[in-house]
Protein backbone atom coordinates (compact mmCIF):
# COMPACT_ATOMS: atom_id res chain seq x y z
CA MET A 1 24.21 -63.77 234.03
CA ASP A 2 23.11 -60.17 233.58
CA LYS A 3 21.44 -58.51 236.53
CA PRO A 4 17.71 -58.05 235.80
CA SER A 5 16.29 -54.58 235.28
CA PRO A 6 14.79 -53.09 238.45
CA SER A 7 11.00 -53.00 238.59
CA ILE A 8 8.62 -50.31 239.78
CA TYR A 9 5.18 -51.66 240.65
CA ALA A 10 1.77 -49.99 240.62
CA ALA A 11 -1.56 -51.50 241.69
CA ILE A 12 -4.82 -49.71 240.90
CA ASP A 13 -8.15 -50.56 242.53
CA ILE A 14 -11.11 -49.06 240.64
CA GLY A 15 -13.98 -49.32 243.06
CA SER A 16 -17.57 -48.12 243.18
CA ASN A 17 -16.65 -44.94 245.08
CA THR A 18 -12.89 -44.50 244.99
CA ILE A 19 -9.99 -45.19 242.64
CA LEU A 20 -6.94 -46.11 244.69
CA MET A 21 -3.35 -46.54 243.55
CA THR A 22 -0.37 -47.87 245.46
CA THR A 23 3.14 -47.70 244.04
CA ALA A 24 6.15 -49.73 245.14
CA MET A 25 9.52 -48.21 244.36
CA PRO A 26 12.75 -50.11 245.11
CA THR A 27 14.47 -48.12 247.83
CA SER A 28 17.76 -48.68 246.03
CA LEU A 29 16.50 -46.47 243.18
CA LEU A 30 15.53 -43.59 245.44
CA ASP A 31 17.66 -40.60 246.19
CA THR A 32 18.28 -40.47 249.92
CA ARG A 33 17.45 -36.77 250.05
CA GLU A 34 14.22 -36.05 251.91
CA ASP A 35 12.87 -33.77 249.20
CA THR A 36 13.01 -36.64 246.71
CA HIS A 37 11.26 -39.40 248.56
CA GLU A 38 9.54 -38.08 251.65
CA GLY A 39 7.88 -35.09 250.02
CA THR A 40 4.92 -37.11 248.84
CA ARG A 41 2.08 -34.90 249.99
CA GLU A 42 3.59 -31.65 248.74
CA ASP A 43 4.79 -33.16 245.46
CA THR A 44 1.33 -34.60 244.83
CA ARG A 45 -0.40 -31.29 245.48
CA LYS A 46 1.87 -29.60 242.96
CA ALA A 47 1.20 -32.22 240.32
CA SER A 48 -2.53 -32.45 240.97
CA HIS A 49 -5.04 -30.68 243.13
CA SER A 50 -7.15 -33.77 243.85
CA SER A 51 -4.72 -36.61 244.54
CA LYS A 52 -3.81 -37.36 248.11
CA GLY A 53 -0.60 -39.28 248.61
CA PHE A 54 1.01 -40.59 251.75
CA VAL A 55 3.87 -42.91 252.51
CA LEU A 56 3.21 -46.15 254.34
CA GLN A 57 6.59 -47.51 255.35
CA SER A 58 7.65 -50.93 254.14
CA TRP A 59 5.56 -54.03 254.79
CA GLN A 60 6.61 -57.59 253.98
CA HIS A 61 9.32 -56.36 251.58
CA PRO A 62 11.61 -53.88 253.37
CA GLU A 63 13.45 -53.04 250.14
CA PHE A 64 10.44 -51.11 248.76
CA THR A 65 8.92 -47.74 249.60
CA PHE A 66 5.15 -47.64 249.15
CA LYS A 67 2.93 -44.66 248.36
CA ASP A 68 -0.87 -44.59 248.40
CA TYR A 69 -3.11 -42.30 246.37
CA ILE A 70 -6.87 -41.87 246.69
CA ASN A 71 -9.45 -40.14 244.48
CA PHE A 72 -13.23 -40.27 244.29
CA ALA A 73 -14.84 -41.13 240.92
CA ARG A 74 -18.15 -42.35 242.41
CA LEU A 75 -18.71 -44.82 239.56
CA ALA A 76 -21.71 -46.41 241.30
CA GLU A 77 -23.55 -43.12 241.70
CA GLY A 78 -26.97 -43.62 240.10
CA LEU A 79 -26.10 -47.15 238.98
CA ASN A 80 -28.90 -48.74 240.99
CA GLU A 81 -31.48 -46.59 239.23
CA THR A 82 -30.16 -46.65 235.64
CA GLY A 83 -28.03 -49.77 235.31
CA TYR A 84 -25.27 -47.66 233.74
CA ILE A 85 -22.15 -45.83 234.90
CA ALA A 86 -22.99 -42.16 234.33
CA LYS A 87 -21.10 -39.87 231.97
CA ASP A 88 -20.04 -37.60 234.82
CA SER A 89 -18.67 -40.56 236.77
CA LEU A 90 -16.76 -41.77 233.74
CA ALA A 91 -15.33 -38.28 233.17
CA ARG A 92 -14.10 -38.20 236.77
CA ALA A 93 -12.55 -41.65 236.40
CA ILE A 94 -10.75 -40.65 233.20
CA ARG A 95 -9.31 -37.56 234.89
CA ILE A 96 -8.12 -39.65 237.82
CA MET A 97 -6.48 -42.25 235.60
CA GLU A 98 -4.76 -39.50 233.61
CA GLU A 99 -3.52 -38.11 236.91
CA TYR A 100 -2.21 -41.48 238.03
CA LYS A 101 -0.52 -41.97 234.68
CA SER A 102 1.26 -38.63 235.15
CA ILE A 103 2.40 -39.70 238.63
CA LEU A 104 3.85 -42.93 237.22
CA GLU A 105 5.60 -41.06 234.43
CA ALA A 106 7.06 -38.65 236.97
CA MET A 107 8.34 -41.53 239.11
CA GLN A 108 10.39 -42.80 236.21
CA SER A 109 11.72 -39.43 235.10
CA ALA A 110 12.75 -38.55 238.67
CA LEU A 111 14.95 -41.62 239.10
CA PRO A 112 18.58 -40.66 239.70
CA THR A 113 20.47 -41.89 236.63
CA GLN A 114 23.51 -42.82 238.68
CA LYS A 115 21.55 -45.40 240.66
CA THR A 116 21.27 -47.92 237.84
CA SER A 117 22.55 -48.44 234.32
CA LEU A 118 19.48 -50.45 233.38
CA PRO A 119 16.08 -48.99 232.48
CA ALA A 120 13.47 -49.55 235.17
CA ILE A 121 10.49 -51.67 234.19
CA LEU A 122 7.09 -50.35 235.23
CA GLU A 123 4.61 -53.13 235.97
CA ILE A 124 0.99 -52.10 236.42
CA ARG A 125 -2.03 -54.13 237.43
CA ALA A 126 -5.45 -52.55 237.47
CA CYS A 127 -8.69 -54.18 238.64
CA ALA A 128 -12.29 -52.97 238.68
CA THR A 129 -14.90 -54.29 241.07
CA SER A 130 -18.63 -54.06 241.82
CA ALA A 131 -19.68 -51.02 239.75
CA MET A 132 -18.14 -52.29 236.52
CA ARG A 133 -19.24 -55.86 237.22
CA GLU A 134 -22.87 -54.76 237.35
CA ALA A 135 -23.03 -51.85 234.91
CA LYS A 136 -24.34 -52.59 231.43
CA ASN A 137 -21.62 -50.34 230.07
CA GLY A 138 -18.94 -51.78 232.38
CA PRO A 139 -16.83 -53.33 229.59
CA SER A 140 -16.81 -50.12 227.54
CA VAL A 141 -15.87 -48.07 230.63
CA ALA A 142 -13.04 -50.52 231.33
CA ALA A 143 -11.81 -50.14 227.75
CA ARG A 144 -11.81 -46.33 228.04
CA LEU A 145 -9.78 -46.42 231.26
CA SER A 146 -7.38 -49.03 229.88
CA ALA A 147 -6.77 -46.75 226.91
CA VAL A 148 -5.76 -43.93 229.26
CA LEU A 149 -3.05 -46.01 230.90
CA GLY A 150 -1.93 -47.39 227.56
CA SER A 151 -1.49 -43.99 225.93
CA GLY A 152 1.35 -41.50 225.89
CA LYS A 153 4.58 -42.23 227.68
CA LEU A 154 3.22 -45.33 229.40
CA GLY A 155 2.55 -46.95 226.06
CA ASN A 156 5.54 -45.97 223.93
CA GLY A 157 8.28 -47.71 225.87
CA LYS A 158 9.70 -44.69 227.68
CA LEU A 159 8.81 -46.34 230.97
CA GLY A 160 10.58 -49.59 230.24
CA SER A 161 8.00 -52.23 229.48
CA GLY A 162 5.09 -50.15 230.73
CA LYS A 163 3.13 -53.33 231.25
CA LEU A 164 -0.52 -53.16 232.30
CA GLY A 165 -0.83 -56.77 233.41
CA SER A 166 -2.35 -58.66 230.49
CA GLY A 167 -2.69 -55.43 228.54
CA LYS A 168 -6.06 -54.30 229.84
CA LEU A 169 -7.93 -53.37 232.97
CA GLU A 170 -9.50 -56.48 234.49
CA ILE A 171 -13.07 -56.58 235.81
CA ILE A 172 -12.80 -59.14 238.60
CA SER A 173 -15.39 -61.37 240.24
CA ALA A 174 -16.64 -60.85 243.78
CA ALA A 175 -14.71 -63.93 244.91
CA ARG A 176 -11.49 -62.62 243.38
CA GLU A 177 -12.11 -59.22 244.97
CA ALA A 178 -12.43 -60.84 248.41
CA GLU A 179 -9.32 -62.95 247.79
CA LEU A 180 -7.17 -59.94 246.91
CA ALA A 181 -8.54 -57.80 249.76
CA PHE A 182 -7.86 -60.59 252.25
CA LEU A 183 -4.36 -61.18 250.88
CA GLY A 184 -3.54 -57.48 251.08
CA ALA A 185 -4.99 -56.73 254.51
CA ALA A 186 -4.80 -59.98 256.49
CA SER A 187 -1.19 -60.84 255.67
CA GLU A 188 -0.10 -58.94 258.79
CA LEU A 189 -2.27 -61.06 261.08
CA THR A 190 -1.57 -64.47 262.53
CA GLY A 191 -4.25 -67.04 263.21
CA LYS A 192 -7.86 -66.84 262.02
CA ALA A 193 -9.39 -63.63 260.72
CA VAL A 194 -12.59 -62.30 259.20
CA LEU A 195 -12.31 -59.37 256.80
CA LEU A 196 -15.08 -56.82 256.24
CA ASP A 197 -14.71 -54.73 253.09
CA ILE A 198 -17.60 -52.25 252.89
CA GLY A 199 -17.46 -50.73 249.43
CA GLY A 200 -19.64 -48.32 247.54
CA GLY A 201 -21.40 -51.10 245.65
CA SER A 202 -20.96 -54.29 247.65
CA VAL A 203 -19.77 -55.77 250.93
CA GLU A 204 -17.22 -58.57 250.90
CA ILE A 205 -16.94 -60.82 253.95
CA ALA A 206 -13.87 -63.05 253.81
CA TYR A 207 -12.62 -65.68 256.22
CA GLY A 208 -9.20 -67.30 256.37
CA LYS A 209 -6.15 -68.02 258.45
CA GLN A 210 -2.45 -67.24 258.25
CA GLY A 211 -3.23 -64.67 255.56
CA ARG A 212 -4.84 -67.26 253.26
CA LEU A 213 -8.49 -67.01 252.19
CA GLU A 214 -10.76 -69.99 252.86
CA HIS A 215 -14.23 -68.63 252.05
CA SER A 216 -15.98 -65.42 251.12
CA VAL A 217 -19.45 -64.05 250.48
CA SER A 218 -20.46 -60.89 248.61
CA LEU A 219 -23.51 -58.93 249.72
CA PRO A 220 -25.38 -56.44 247.45
CA ILE A 221 -25.03 -53.71 250.05
CA GLY A 222 -23.11 -50.49 249.46
CA ALA A 223 -23.03 -46.86 250.52
CA LEU A 224 -23.36 -45.47 246.99
CA ARG A 225 -25.76 -48.23 245.99
CA TRP A 226 -28.11 -47.16 248.82
CA LYS A 227 -27.29 -43.44 248.90
CA ASN A 228 -30.63 -42.39 247.39
CA LYS A 229 -32.64 -44.97 249.32
CA TYR A 230 -31.11 -44.06 252.67
CA PRO A 231 -29.91 -40.44 252.48
CA HIS A 232 -28.15 -38.90 255.46
CA ALA A 233 -31.14 -36.73 256.37
CA LEU A 234 -33.42 -39.78 256.58
CA LEU A 235 -30.96 -41.82 258.67
CA ARG A 236 -30.84 -39.10 261.31
CA HIS A 237 -34.21 -40.53 262.43
CA PRO A 238 -33.93 -43.66 264.64
CA ALA A 239 -36.77 -45.45 262.82
CA ALA A 240 -35.03 -45.14 259.44
CA ALA A 241 -31.70 -46.26 260.91
CA GLN A 242 -33.43 -49.30 262.39
CA GLN A 243 -35.05 -50.11 259.05
CA LEU A 244 -31.60 -50.03 257.45
CA ARG A 245 -30.25 -52.41 260.06
CA LYS A 246 -33.13 -54.81 259.40
CA GLU A 247 -32.47 -54.77 255.66
CA VAL A 248 -28.75 -55.43 256.17
CA ALA A 249 -29.59 -58.34 258.48
CA ALA A 250 -32.10 -59.82 256.03
CA ILE A 251 -29.63 -59.72 253.13
CA PHE A 252 -26.85 -61.15 255.31
CA HIS A 253 -28.95 -64.10 256.47
CA SER A 254 -30.37 -64.81 253.00
CA HIS A 255 -26.89 -65.00 251.47
CA ILE A 256 -25.10 -67.06 254.10
CA LYS A 257 -27.91 -69.62 253.98
CA GLN A 258 -27.39 -70.23 250.27
CA PRO A 259 -26.07 -73.78 249.63
CA LYS A 260 -22.81 -72.49 248.13
CA HIS A 261 -22.05 -70.60 251.35
CA SER A 262 -23.60 -72.77 254.07
CA ALA A 263 -20.51 -74.92 254.66
CA GLY A 264 -17.94 -72.16 254.23
CA MET A 265 -19.71 -69.81 256.64
CA GLN A 266 -19.64 -72.30 259.52
CA PHE A 267 -16.85 -70.17 260.96
CA LEU A 268 -19.60 -67.87 262.27
CA ASN A 269 -20.40 -70.47 264.88
CA GLN A 270 -16.78 -70.61 266.03
CA SER A 271 -15.73 -66.97 265.80
CA ALA A 272 -14.75 -66.43 269.43
CA GLY A 273 -10.99 -66.42 268.80
CA MET A 274 -11.05 -64.72 265.41
CA GLN A 275 -9.89 -61.21 264.73
CA LEU A 276 -12.19 -58.94 262.72
CA LEU A 277 -10.40 -56.72 260.22
CA GLY A 278 -12.00 -53.77 258.43
CA VAL A 279 -10.89 -52.04 255.24
CA ALA A 280 -12.36 -49.21 253.12
CA GLY A 281 -13.84 -45.83 254.00
CA ALA A 282 -16.17 -46.58 256.91
CA PRO A 283 -13.69 -48.05 259.41
CA THR A 284 -10.84 -45.73 258.37
CA THR A 285 -13.01 -42.62 258.70
CA LEU A 286 -14.43 -43.74 262.04
CA ALA A 287 -10.90 -44.36 263.32
CA ALA A 288 -9.81 -40.93 262.07
CA VAL A 289 -12.71 -39.30 263.92
CA GLN A 290 -12.00 -41.25 267.10
CA LEU A 291 -8.27 -40.49 267.05
CA LYS A 292 -8.64 -36.97 265.56
CA ILE A 293 -6.26 -37.78 262.74
CA ALA A 294 -6.17 -35.73 259.55
CA ASN A 295 -6.90 -37.37 256.20
CA ASP A 296 -3.32 -37.08 254.94
CA SER A 297 -2.03 -38.92 258.03
CA PHE A 298 -4.06 -42.10 257.58
CA PRO A 299 -1.05 -44.42 258.10
CA ALA A 300 -1.37 -43.46 261.79
CA ILE A 301 -4.69 -45.35 262.03
CA HIS A 302 -3.34 -48.53 260.44
CA MET A 303 -3.97 -51.58 262.66
CA LYS A 304 -5.70 -49.51 265.34
CA THR A 305 -8.72 -51.07 267.09
CA LEU A 306 -12.24 -49.63 267.05
CA SER A 307 -14.80 -50.81 269.59
CA LEU A 308 -18.46 -51.30 268.71
CA LYS A 309 -19.32 -49.03 271.62
CA ASN A 310 -17.23 -46.19 270.16
CA ILE A 311 -18.70 -46.76 266.69
CA GLN A 312 -22.20 -46.41 268.14
CA ARG A 313 -21.14 -43.23 269.97
CA ILE A 314 -19.79 -41.71 266.75
CA ILE A 315 -22.94 -42.72 264.84
CA LYS A 316 -25.02 -40.72 267.33
CA MET A 317 -22.67 -37.80 266.74
CA PHE A 318 -23.22 -38.10 262.97
CA GLN A 319 -27.00 -38.25 263.46
CA SER A 320 -26.93 -34.97 265.36
CA HIS A 321 -25.60 -33.11 262.30
CA ALA A 322 -26.74 -32.56 258.71
CA SER A 323 -24.28 -34.03 256.20
CA HIS A 324 -22.93 -30.65 255.14
CA GLU A 325 -22.26 -29.82 258.79
CA LEU A 326 -19.91 -32.77 259.23
CA ARG A 327 -17.10 -30.84 257.56
CA HIS A 328 -17.86 -27.52 259.24
CA SER A 329 -18.90 -28.55 262.70
CA ALA A 330 -17.83 -26.87 265.91
CA HIS A 331 -17.20 -30.42 267.10
CA THR A 332 -13.50 -30.72 266.16
CA ALA A 333 -13.59 -34.51 265.81
CA LEU A 334 -15.96 -34.26 262.84
CA ASN A 335 -13.55 -32.05 260.92
CA PHE A 336 -11.50 -35.14 260.14
CA ILE A 337 -14.18 -36.47 257.76
CA ASP A 338 -13.27 -36.22 254.08
CA GLU A 339 -15.71 -34.03 252.14
CA ASN A 340 -16.28 -36.84 249.64
CA ARG A 341 -17.35 -39.22 252.41
CA SER A 342 -19.56 -36.92 254.48
CA PRO A 343 -22.79 -37.61 252.49
CA ILE A 344 -22.47 -41.40 252.98
CA ILE A 345 -20.49 -41.84 256.20
CA LEU A 346 -23.58 -42.26 258.40
CA LEU A 347 -24.98 -44.89 256.03
CA SER A 348 -21.72 -46.84 255.79
CA SER A 349 -21.17 -46.61 259.56
CA LEU A 350 -24.62 -48.09 260.24
CA ILE A 351 -23.87 -50.92 257.81
CA LEU A 352 -20.59 -51.61 259.63
CA GLU A 353 -22.29 -51.50 263.04
CA GLU A 354 -24.95 -54.02 262.01
CA LEU A 355 -22.48 -56.39 260.35
CA MET A 356 -20.33 -56.39 263.48
CA ARG A 357 -23.41 -57.30 265.50
CA LEU A 358 -24.30 -60.09 263.09
CA LEU A 359 -20.73 -61.43 263.23
CA GLY A 360 -20.78 -61.30 267.03
CA LYS A 361 -17.82 -58.92 267.28
CA ASP A 362 -17.42 -55.93 269.58
CA GLU A 363 -14.05 -54.83 268.15
CA ILE A 364 -12.60 -54.35 264.68
CA ILE A 365 -8.99 -53.78 263.60
CA VAL A 366 -8.70 -51.01 261.00
CA SER A 367 -6.47 -51.53 257.97
CA ILE A 368 -5.66 -48.97 255.27
CA LYS A 369 -4.65 -51.80 252.96
CA GLY A 370 -6.89 -54.01 250.86
CA LEU A 371 -7.25 -55.14 247.26
CA ARG A 372 -4.41 -53.10 245.75
CA TYR A 373 -1.99 -54.49 248.35
CA GLY A 374 -3.14 -57.97 247.40
CA LEU A 375 -2.18 -57.18 243.80
CA LEU A 376 1.22 -55.97 244.96
CA GLU A 377 1.70 -59.09 247.09
CA GLU A 378 1.10 -61.22 243.99
CA MET A 379 3.46 -59.15 241.83
CA LEU A 380 6.23 -59.21 244.42
CA ALA A 381 5.77 -62.95 245.02
CA LYS A 382 6.14 -63.52 241.27
CA LYS A 383 9.30 -61.40 241.26
CA GLU A 384 10.76 -63.36 244.19
CA LYS A 385 9.96 -66.68 242.54
CA ALA A 386 11.61 -65.59 239.26
CA GLU A 387 14.76 -64.48 241.10
CA ASN A 388 15.01 -67.78 242.97
CA ASN A 389 14.70 -69.92 239.82
């Protein structure tokens, strides 16, 4: 039997604020020289001025090297007011997808030819979440972004199969979003866990054990969704911050009391031994501020613990500065906030604080993984199953 062609995997998470991509390259295909496979940050800066790449060493599958990329399209900006993804947001998303396509093309062309006699197959899965689910022009935006990945070298066979899943970008349901986020982030935990995914357009709360989802609920709460309603300047005032907390609590209670969630959310009454896991920008940024870790070293915050007390301390620090000061503050800890997050970090931090209170948790484990790692888990599980048959 012929040995199957090696596969390179890419998972793309098109969210309401960010567009994230994680690639998985078989280590056997990589040149062992440092300038070929450890030069991620410098290589990315040369290829693109806006991508940020970092290497997160192997998880679950030691034979792969993983690289994460993050860019900000802000697809949900203005969506609450207009019902549409704005032209500027779409333009940013198209540029990002073109950038990611170039990165994937470069991965293939950089492969040492002596490593394998078979062409590598590039398998891509791309999912869109809250912004495209809700936008009236969501399907047309998805089609535009699918066309970017399907054009040029990714579509003419130069990259092996160049497969984009079923051939198009998939707009997934809130339940599917929670399932993938839980699979990607909670697979490293044992026992019972609750996942908080605070996105730009929605919050997903997922519960499960042994890395398997049992129930989830989606809340219409998001940092970009509420950016105009609760701007940073307003939230510097304690009364406005308290009003935000009350609104978060009201939405939380109204959703978990719905008949479809009432049974599944019973875990809230027995959460004493459960670990709380946080993904997305709020917990990662708060951890970076607490640990004084630069943005391009985010793997260093992976699986670190944040206390509610420290979150509240950092929130007070945020409230003492205007949003533009967060990146240029004399307080060195604040200089670790990404410029794209500074306008909404106070808002998202207050949302996180209130949800932790509602869940009865005084600590949260920070994960830099999430939905895209869930996609990769599924792709690699499929590969393993095929090889064993």
